[in-house]
C-alpha cells in the first residue's frame, strides 16, 4: 500500500531541570521590573511623605498646580499659602510638590 504503518516513538528523556528553565525568564522580568519601576517609586513616595510631614510656617513651597508661595498656616490636612500680599489659598498637604530654599520668593 501507499501508507506505511506508524509506530509510536519511545518516550523522550525526562527534563533534568524540572521545568525551572521555563520560569527563569518570568523571574528575571520581575526582578528587572522591581529595580527599574517599583523600587524607585516607593523611594519617591517615602521622600514626599517626609517632605509633607516636615512643612512648617514660613517655608516657601511650590504646589503641584505650579503656584509658588509662603506657608502662613499649617493644619492637619490643609495648609494656607500666601501667593501675593493679602492673597492666601488653602491647599491640601499632599498638593505640595517642593519646598524651595529660603529667600527664593523675595516679592512676598
Protein backbone atom coordinates (compact mmCIF):
# COMPACT_ATOMS: atom_id res chain seq x y z
CA UNK A 1 0.00 0.00 0.00
CA UNK A 2 0.87 3.65 -0.18
CA UNK A 3 0.69 4.43 3.54
CA UNK A 4 3.17 2.81 5.82
CA UNK A 5 2.12 1.92 9.35
CA UNK A 6 3.05 4.48 12.05
CA UNK A 7 4.64 3.23 15.20
CA UNK A 8 4.81 5.10 18.49
CA UNK A 9 8.17 6.57 19.27
CA UNK A 10 9.93 5.88 22.51
CA UNK A 11 9.31 8.47 25.25
CA UNK A 12 11.96 11.22 25.43
CA UNK A 13 14.23 11.57 28.41
CA UNK A 14 12.80 13.49 31.38
CA UNK A 15 13.83 17.17 31.68
CA UNK A 16 16.63 17.23 34.30
CA UNK A 17 15.90 20.87 35.29
CA UNK A 18 12.31 20.07 36.21
CA UNK A 19 10.82 22.99 34.27
CA UNK A 20 12.83 25.60 36.16
CA UNK A 21 14.24 26.97 32.93
CA UNK A 22 10.69 27.80 31.82
CA UNK A 23 10.17 30.03 34.87
CA UNK A 24 13.55 31.73 34.64
CA UNK A 25 12.51 34.42 32.08
CA UNK A 26 9.43 35.35 34.16
CA UNK A 27 11.52 35.64 37.33
CA UNK A 28 14.14 37.69 35.51
CA UNK A 29 11.47 40.08 34.16
CA UNK A 30 10.05 40.55 37.68
CA UNK A 31 13.49 41.36 39.09
CA UNK A 32 14.13 43.93 36.34
CA UNK A 33 10.65 45.43 36.88
CA UNK A 34 11.32 45.68 40.63
CA UNK A 35 14.62 47.56 40.24
CA UNK A 36 13.54 49.84 37.38
CA UNK A 37 9.97 50.75 38.37
CA UNK A 38 8.67 49.62 41.76
CA UNK A 39 11.68 50.39 43.97
CA UNK A 40 12.25 53.98 42.70
CA UNK A 41 8.53 54.76 43.00
CA UNK A 42 8.48 53.55 46.62
CA UNK A 43 11.57 55.67 47.38
CA UNK A 44 9.97 58.77 45.80
CA UNK A 45 6.75 58.25 47.79
CA UNK A 46 8.73 57.90 51.04
CA UNK A 47 10.65 61.13 50.34
CA UNK A 48 7.44 63.03 49.53
CA UNK A 49 5.81 61.82 52.75
CA UNK A 50 8.81 63.04 54.76
CA UNK A 51 8.66 66.40 52.94
CA UNK A 52 4.94 66.79 53.71
CA UNK A 53 5.42 65.97 57.40
CA UNK A 54 8.28 68.47 57.77
CA UNK A 55 6.34 71.52 56.48
CA UNK A 56 6.35 74.50 58.84
CA UNK A 57 5.12 78.09 58.83
CA UNK A 58 7.38 80.31 56.73
CA UNK A 59 8.52 77.62 54.29
CA UNK A 60 8.47 78.63 50.64
CA UNK A 61 6.74 75.97 48.55
CA UNK A 62 5.52 75.14 45.05
CA UNK A 63 2.22 73.30 44.69
CA UNK A 64 1.53 70.59 42.14
CA UNK A 65 -0.54 73.17 40.26
CA UNK A 66 2.54 75.36 39.87
CA UNK A 67 1.68 78.10 42.38
CA UNK A 68 4.61 79.33 44.45
CA UNK A 69 4.15 80.95 47.83
CA UNK A 70 4.97 81.06 51.52
CA UNK A 71 3.17 78.95 54.13
CA UNK A 72 1.21 81.06 56.63
CA UNK A 73 -0.84 78.43 58.49
CA UNK A 74 -0.30 74.71 58.94
CA UNK A 75 -3.22 72.42 59.78
CA UNK A 76 -3.70 68.66 59.90
CA UNK A 77 -4.79 68.26 56.29
CA UNK A 78 -4.76 71.80 54.85
CA UNK A 79 -2.10 74.48 54.56
CA UNK A 80 -2.61 78.20 53.84
CA UNK A 81 -0.18 79.51 51.25
CA UNK A 82 0.33 83.23 50.65
CA UNK A 83 0.79 83.73 46.91
CA UNK A 84 0.97 87.54 46.96
CA UNK A 85 0.43 90.20 49.64
CA UNK A 86 -3.09 89.70 51.09
CA UNK A 87 -3.76 86.69 48.80
CA UNK A 88 -3.97 83.35 50.61
CA UNK A 89 -5.00 79.99 49.21
CA UNK A 90 -5.82 76.85 51.19
CA UNK A 91 -4.29 73.71 49.69
CA UNK A 92 -4.12 70.11 50.85
CA UNK A 93 -0.83 68.97 52.31
CA UNK A 94 -0.46 66.36 49.56
CA UNK A 95 -0.64 69.11 46.90
CA UNK A 96 2.77 70.47 47.89
CA UNK A 97 5.33 69.39 45.29
CA UNK A 98 8.56 71.01 46.52
CA UNK A 99 9.99 73.13 49.26
CA UNK A 100 12.13 75.97 47.92
CA UNK A 101 15.26 77.29 49.61
CA UNK A 102 14.70 80.22 51.98
CA UNK A 103 14.76 83.59 50.22
CA UNK A 104 13.74 82.27 46.81
CA UNK A 105 10.49 84.25 46.81
CA UNK A 106 11.59 87.82 47.58
CA UNK A 107 8.38 89.54 46.38
CA UNK A 108 6.31 88.20 49.30
